[in-house]
């Protein structure tokens, strides 16, 4: 590839007392359990292992950006070239702070100072599981490569995640015409800043509303809209999976498992480029301990970013 590619992470330490005080003050109103669940903010040091995975399996990444709310991981060595901490106030307007809504923060990724036109975006529970190349994320002429899974059906999705993705799809479809809609894989995705800026300009009111939702809401615009915009208007490449989000076994598809003992014991059977180990309200401390042991074994080499 003739262009630089960065990666952006969102990260929060949900056990930080200063951050917790801000959270308690902000959530006085009645909110969906899905928006304020403890698992959404819990820190198990997955970020450290995800960065190790990037250095091991995607060494061509130029810069790593970590978006936080005035926090720094305890293990991080500050001031090392190639990794930058971005505080919320650097990219979000003052009247949107404090923010506990990842959908809102994702509307401002393109505002990171120094971020390359081409960048990957990941949650801290997403990992490069085997060697990947830039061509796994972009075509030679710079179009993003998006991986989709099951089809979006014409029904009302009750779960907030499905509802907001369905809404994002229909915002593009209703304005620009029909195209087949699929749910994006829950993994590391490629973006272009210029595409994001165009998309936001065309849905200014909707994005502004999302930006000022301090917690996740059913009227958020989910970041899937950026991929739908790129596919419909820019000719981004689409890869359709074979429904392997929950199927176990030898596969080169994107890996996604819920963090529990049963699934974790099967993880070695995945030969997959990308992996997401997703914690939820059912995840136990024993599950988390096993996950960390697996990650420590697979990504045992420290990076230059660690103390």
Protein backbone atom coordinates (compact mmCIF):
# COMPACT_ATOMS: atom_id res chain seq x y z
CA UNK A 1 0.00 0.00 0.00
CA UNK A 2 1.22 3.50 -0.82
CA UNK A 3 -0.58 5.12 2.13
CA UNK A 4 -0.21 5.15 5.93
CA UNK A 5 -2.71 3.29 8.12
CA UNK A 6 -3.32 4.10 11.81
CA UNK A 7 -5.46 2.36 14.42
CA UNK A 8 -7.82 3.95 16.97
CA UNK A 9 -9.05 2.40 20.23
CA UNK A 10 -11.68 3.49 22.74
CA UNK A 11 -10.71 2.69 26.32
CA UNK A 12 -12.07 3.36 29.80
CA UNK A 13 -11.08 2.34 33.30
CA UNK A 14 -14.47 1.78 34.90
CA UNK A 15 -12.92 1.39 38.36
CA UNK A 16 -11.36 4.85 38.44
CA UNK A 17 -12.98 6.80 41.32
CA UNK A 18 -12.95 10.16 39.50
CA UNK A 19 -14.55 8.65 36.43
CA UNK A 20 -17.12 6.77 38.56
CA UNK A 21 -18.16 10.00 40.26
CA UNK A 22 -18.84 11.60 36.88
CA UNK A 23 -20.79 8.52 35.80
CA UNK A 24 -23.02 8.56 38.92
CA UNK A 25 -23.75 12.27 38.50
CA UNK A 26 -24.64 11.83 34.83
CA UNK A 27 -26.93 8.80 35.09
CA UNK A 28 -29.58 10.29 37.38
CA UNK A 29 -32.19 9.81 34.68
CA UNK A 30 -33.74 6.40 33.98
CA UNK A 31 -31.55 4.62 31.45
CA UNK A 32 -31.55 1.32 29.59
CA UNK A 33 -29.57 -1.44 31.33
CA UNK A 34 -27.87 -2.00 27.99
CA UNK A 35 -26.52 1.55 28.12
CA UNK A 36 -25.10 1.45 31.66
CA UNK A 37 -24.23 -2.22 32.19
CA UNK A 38 -21.03 -2.65 34.19
CA UNK A 39 -19.52 -4.89 31.50
CA UNK A 40 -19.58 -1.93 29.12
CA UNK A 41 -17.01 -0.06 31.22
CA UNK A 42 -15.07 -2.87 32.93
CA UNK A 43 -11.31 -2.91 32.42
CA UNK A 44 -9.54 -6.28 32.20
CA UNK A 45 -6.40 -5.01 30.44
CA UNK A 46 -7.63 -6.35 27.09
CA UNK A 47 -6.23 -3.18 25.53
CA UNK A 48 -2.68 -4.18 26.44
CA UNK A 49 -3.11 -7.52 24.71
CA UNK A 50 -4.84 -5.99 21.69
CA UNK A 51 -1.90 -3.63 21.18
CA UNK A 52 0.49 -6.57 21.55
CA UNK A 53 -1.53 -8.36 18.88
CA UNK A 54 -1.22 -5.35 16.56
CA UNK A 55 2.55 -5.20 16.99
CA UNK A 56 2.84 -8.95 16.42
CA UNK A 57 0.45 -9.51 13.54
CA UNK A 58 0.03 -6.03 11.95
CA UNK A 59 3.45 -4.35 12.31
CA UNK A 60 2.70 -2.14 9.29
CA UNK A 61 0.33 0.03 11.38
CA UNK A 62 1.86 3.51 11.70
CA UNK A 63 0.38 5.10 14.84
CA UNK A 64 -1.84 3.86 17.67
CA UNK A 65 -4.36 6.29 19.17
CA UNK A 66 -6.19 5.58 22.44
CA UNK A 67 -9.26 7.73 23.17
CA UNK A 68 -9.92 8.10 26.91
CA UNK A 69 -11.65 10.33 29.44
CA UNK A 70 -8.64 11.86 31.20
CA UNK A 71 -7.25 8.40 31.98
CA UNK A 72 -4.05 6.51 31.24
CA UNK A 73 -3.66 2.71 31.54
CA UNK A 74 -1.51 1.82 34.55
CA UNK A 75 0.81 -0.34 32.42
CA UNK A 76 1.39 2.32 29.73
CA UNK A 77 4.75 4.02 29.31
CA UNK A 78 4.00 7.59 28.26
CA UNK A 79 5.84 9.55 25.59
CA UNK A 80 6.85 6.62 23.38
CA UNK A 81 6.71 7.43 19.68
CA UNK A 82 3.95 5.62 17.82
CA UNK A 83 1.26 5.76 20.52
CA UNK A 84 -0.79 8.77 21.56
CA UNK A 85 -3.46 9.26 24.22
CA UNK A 86 -6.38 11.39 22.99
CA UNK A 87 -8.62 12.89 25.66
CA UNK A 88 -12.35 13.25 24.99
CA UNK A 89 -12.10 17.02 25.16
CA UNK A 90 -9.68 17.04 22.20
CA UNK A 91 -12.34 15.73 19.81
CA UNK A 92 -15.74 16.25 21.50
CA UNK A 93 -17.36 19.67 22.04
CA UNK A 94 -17.58 20.93 25.60
CA UNK A 95 -21.38 20.70 25.75
CA UNK A 96 -21.16 16.94 24.98
CA UNK A 97 -18.96 16.19 28.00
CA UNK A 98 -18.77 14.03 29.99
CA UNK A 99 -19.64 11.29 27.52
CA UNK A 100 -20.28 7.62 28.29
CA UNK A 101 -21.67 6.76 24.86
CA UNK A 102 -19.30 5.03 22.44
CA UNK A 103 -21.66 5.82 19.54
CA UNK A 104 -21.24 9.52 20.28
CA UNK A 105 -17.46 9.28 20.52
CA UNK A 106 -17.33 7.35 17.25
CA UNK A 107 -18.86 10.33 15.43
CA UNK A 108 -15.67 12.28 16.21
CA UNK A 109 -12.90 9.82 15.38
CA UNK A 110 -11.94 11.77 12.27
CA UNK A 111 -11.11 14.80 14.44
CA UNK A 112 -8.08 13.16 16.09
CA UNK A 113 -5.09 15.46 15.44
CA UNK A 114 -2.61 13.82 13.08
CA UNK A 115 -4.80 10.81 12.27
CA UNK A 116 -4.14 9.39 8.80
CA UNK A 117 -6.81 9.42 6.09
CA UNK A 118 -6.90 5.63 6.33
CA UNK A 119 -7.39 4.15 9.78
CA UNK A 120 -8.65 1.06 11.57
CA UNK A 121 -11.00 1.25 14.53
CA UNK A 122 -11.21 -1.29 17.34
CA UNK A 123 -12.69 -1.86 20.74
CA UNK A 124 -10.26 -3.12 23.36
CA UNK A 125 -11.76 -6.62 23.23
CA UNK A 126 -10.77 -7.05 19.57
CA UNK A 127 -7.51 -8.68 18.54
CA UNK A 128 -5.39 -9.46 15.51
CA UNK A 129 -5.40 -13.24 15.88
CA UNK A 130 -3.01 -14.12 13.02
CA UNK A 131 -0.95 -12.29 10.42
CA UNK A 132 -2.89 -9.68 8.45
CA UNK A 133 -1.86 -7.32 5.67
CA UNK A 134 -3.11 -3.88 4.62
CA UNK A 135 -4.87 -5.61 1.72
CA UNK A 136 -7.12 -7.34 4.24
CA UNK A 137 -8.62 -3.90 5.02
CA UNK A 138 -8.20 -1.78 1.88
CA UNK A 139 -8.13 -2.34 -1.87
CA UNK A 140 -5.01 -1.09 -3.70
CA UNK A 141 -6.91 2.03 -4.78
CA UNK A 142 -7.86 2.84 -1.18
CA UNK A 143 -11.42 1.57 -0.84
CA UNK A 144 -12.26 0.03 2.56
CA UNK A 145 -13.00 -3.69 2.77
CA UNK A 146 -16.04 -4.41 4.94
CA UNK A 147 -17.03 -7.78 6.33
CA UNK A 148 -20.73 -8.39 6.89
CA UNK A 149 -22.60 -11.27 8.46
CA UNK A 150 -26.32 -11.98 8.68
CA UNK A 151 -28.86 -10.09 6.64
CA UNK A 152 -30.93 -7.20 7.97
CA UNK A 153 -34.60 -8.13 7.85
CA UNK A 154 -37.60 -5.86 7.64
CA UNK A 155 -38.59 -6.14 11.28
CA UNK A 156 -38.35 -4.17 14.50
CA UNK A 157 -35.17 -5.01 16.37
CA UNK A 158 -35.69 -4.82 20.13
CA UNK A 159 -32.03 -4.99 21.16
CA UNK A 160 -30.42 -1.53 21.05
CA UNK A 161 -27.40 -2.72 19.07
CA UNK A 162 -29.51 -4.31 16.33
CA UNK A 163 -32.00 -1.45 16.37
CA UNK A 164 -29.37 1.26 15.82
CA UNK A 165 -27.60 -0.69 13.05
CA UNK A 166 -30.93 -1.26 11.30
CA UNK A 167 -31.65 2.47 11.64
CA UNK A 168 -28.25 3.37 10.16
CA UNK A 169 -28.88 1.09 7.18
CA UNK A 170 -32.29 2.62 6.48
CA UNK A 171 -30.96 6.18 6.72
CA UNK A 172 -28.68 5.41 3.75
CA UNK A 173 -31.26 3.30 1.91
CA UNK A 174 -34.07 5.86 2.22
CA UNK A 175 -31.91 8.70 0.88
CA UNK A 176 -29.74 7.00 -1.75
CA UNK A 177 -31.79 4.04 -2.89
CA UNK A 178 -32.15 0.35 -2.25
CA UNK A 179 -29.22 -1.96 -1.55
CA UNK A 180 -28.97 -5.26 0.28
CA UNK A 181 -28.26 -4.72 3.95
CA UNK A 182 -26.20 -6.90 6.27
CA UNK A 183 -25.03 -6.55 9.83
CA UNK A 184 -21.32 -5.69 10.07
CA UNK A 185 -19.04 -8.19 11.76
CA UNK A 186 -18.20 -7.09 15.28
CA UNK A 187 -14.50 -6.66 14.62
CA UNK A 188 -11.72 -4.31 13.60
CA UNK A 189 -13.01 -2.13 10.75
CA UNK A 190 -11.33 0.16 8.17
CA UNK A 191 -12.40 3.75 7.56
CA UNK A 192 -11.46 6.86 5.61
CA UNK A 193 -11.70 10.28 7.23
CA UNK A 194 -13.00 11.96 4.08
CA UNK A 195 -15.85 9.44 3.75
CA UNK A 196 -16.84 9.98 7.40
CA UNK A 197 -16.85 13.77 6.96
CA UNK A 198 -19.09 13.50 3.88
CA UNK A 199 -21.50 11.15 5.64
CA UNK A 200 -21.79 13.38 8.71
CA UNK A 201 -22.39 16.46 6.53
CA UNK A 202 -25.36 14.69 4.91
CA UNK A 203 -26.95 13.75 8.25
CA UNK A 204 -25.95 16.71 10.37
CA UNK A 205 -29.02 16.81 12.65
CA UNK A 206 -28.97 13.07 13.34
CA UNK A 207 -25.26 13.07 14.16
CA UNK A 208 -25.57 16.12 16.37
CA UNK A 209 -28.31 14.38 18.36
CA UNK A 210 -26.13 11.29 18.81
CA UNK A 211 -23.15 13.40 19.83
CA UNK A 212 -25.13 14.88 22.74
CA UNK A 213 -26.53 11.58 24.01
CA UNK A 214 -24.36 10.99 27.07
CA UNK A 215 -25.38 7.33 27.18
CA UNK A 216 -26.35 4.89 24.45
CA UNK A 217 -29.82 5.50 23.12
CA UNK A 218 -32.20 4.03 20.57
CA UNK A 219 -31.98 7.24 18.51
CA UNK A 220 -28.19 7.05 18.17
CA UNK A 221 -26.59 6.71 14.77
CA UNK A 222 -24.41 3.61 14.93
CA UNK A 223 -21.00 3.77 13.18
CA UNK A 224 -22.23 1.12 10.73
CA UNK A 225 -23.61 4.07 8.76
CA UNK A 226 -20.05 4.90 7.70
CA UNK A 227 -19.62 1.48 6.12
CA UNK A 228 -23.06 1.60 4.46
CA UNK A 229 -22.25 5.05 3.06
CA UNK A 230 -18.91 3.81 1.71
CA UNK A 231 -20.51 0.73 0.13
CA UNK A 232 -23.42 2.55 -1.47
CA UNK A 233 -21.69 5.73 -2.66
CA UNK A 234 -17.97 4.96 -2.85
CA UNK A 235 -17.87 1.38 -4.05
CA UNK A 236 -16.24 -0.07 -0.95
CA UNK A 237 -15.53 -3.79 -1.18
CA UNK A 238 -17.92 -6.17 0.60
CA UNK A 239 -17.10 -9.62 1.96
CA UNK A 240 -20.05 -11.69 3.14
CA UNK A 241 -19.34 -14.29 5.79
CA UNK A 242 -20.96 -17.69 5.97
CA UNK A 243 -22.74 -17.09 9.23
CA UNK A 244 -19.82 -18.10 11.43
CA UNK A 245 -20.35 -15.55 14.18
CA UNK A 246 -21.30 -18.32 16.57
CA UNK A 247 -20.00 -21.43 14.79
CA UNK A 248 -16.88 -23.02 16.22
CA UNK A 249 -14.20 -24.91 14.41
CA UNK A 250 -11.38 -24.33 11.95
CA UNK A 251 -12.25 -21.15 10.09
CA UNK A 252 -10.63 -18.26 8.28
CA UNK A 253 -13.66 -16.10 8.91
CA UNK A 254 -13.82 -13.38 11.57
CA UNK A 255 -13.86 -14.84 15.07
CA UNK A 256 -16.43 -13.70 17.61
CA UNK A 257 -17.12 -15.45 20.90
CA UNK A 258 -18.83 -14.55 24.13
CA UNK A 259 -16.47 -14.66 27.07
CA UNK A 260 -17.35 -17.85 28.92
CA UNK A 261 -15.46 -21.04 29.77
CA UNK A 262 -17.17 -23.21 27.17
CA UNK A 263 -16.25 -20.86 24.33
CA UNK A 264 -12.77 -20.02 25.57
CA UNK A 265 -11.79 -23.69 25.70
CA UNK A 266 -12.56 -23.91 21.97
CA UNK A 267 -10.70 -20.78 20.96
CA UNK A 268 -7.56 -22.64 19.91
CA UNK A 269 -9.57 -24.17 17.04
CA UNK A 270 -9.93 -20.79 15.37
CA UNK A 271 -7.51 -19.99 12.61
CA UNK A 272 -8.89 -16.55 11.97
CA UNK A 273 -7.35 -13.16 11.14
CA UNK A 274 -9.38 -11.23 13.70
CA UNK A 275 -10.99 -12.14 17.01
CA UNK A 276 -13.43 -10.48 19.39
CA UNK A 277 -13.86 -11.89 22.91
CA UNK A 278 -17.01 -10.19 24.07
CA UNK A 279 -17.81 -9.86 27.78
CA UNK A 280 -21.40 -9.37 28.89
CA UNK A 281 -23.53 -9.46 32.02
CA UNK A 282 -23.20 -13.26 32.20
CA UNK A 283 -19.40 -13.21 32.18
CA UNK A 284 -18.00 -14.38 35.54
CA UNK A 285 -14.71 -13.55 37.26
CA UNK A 286 -13.53 -17.10 36.46
CA UNK A 287 -14.33 -16.54 32.79
CA UNK A 288 -12.35 -13.32 32.81
CA UNK A 289 -9.38 -14.98 34.53
CA UNK A 290 -9.32 -17.73 31.91
CA UNK A 291 -9.51 -15.17 29.10
CA UNK A 292 -6.53 -13.24 30.51
CA UNK A 293 -4.53 -16.47 30.80
CA UNK A 294 -5.24 -17.27 27.14
CA UNK A 295 -4.30 -13.76 26.01
CA UNK A 296 -1.14 -13.75 28.13
CA UNK A 297 -0.08 -17.03 26.56
CA UNK A 298 -0.81 -15.96 22.97
CA UNK A 299 0.58 -12.42 23.32
CA UNK A 300 3.38 -12.90 25.83
CA UNK A 301 5.86 -10.39 24.39
CA UNK A 302 5.73 -6.89 25.85
CA UNK A 303 5.72 -3.91 23.51
CA UNK A 304 7.78 -0.75 23.76
CA UNK A 305 4.63 0.97 25.08
CA UNK A 306 4.63 -0.95 28.36
CA UNK A 307 6.43 -0.10 31.60
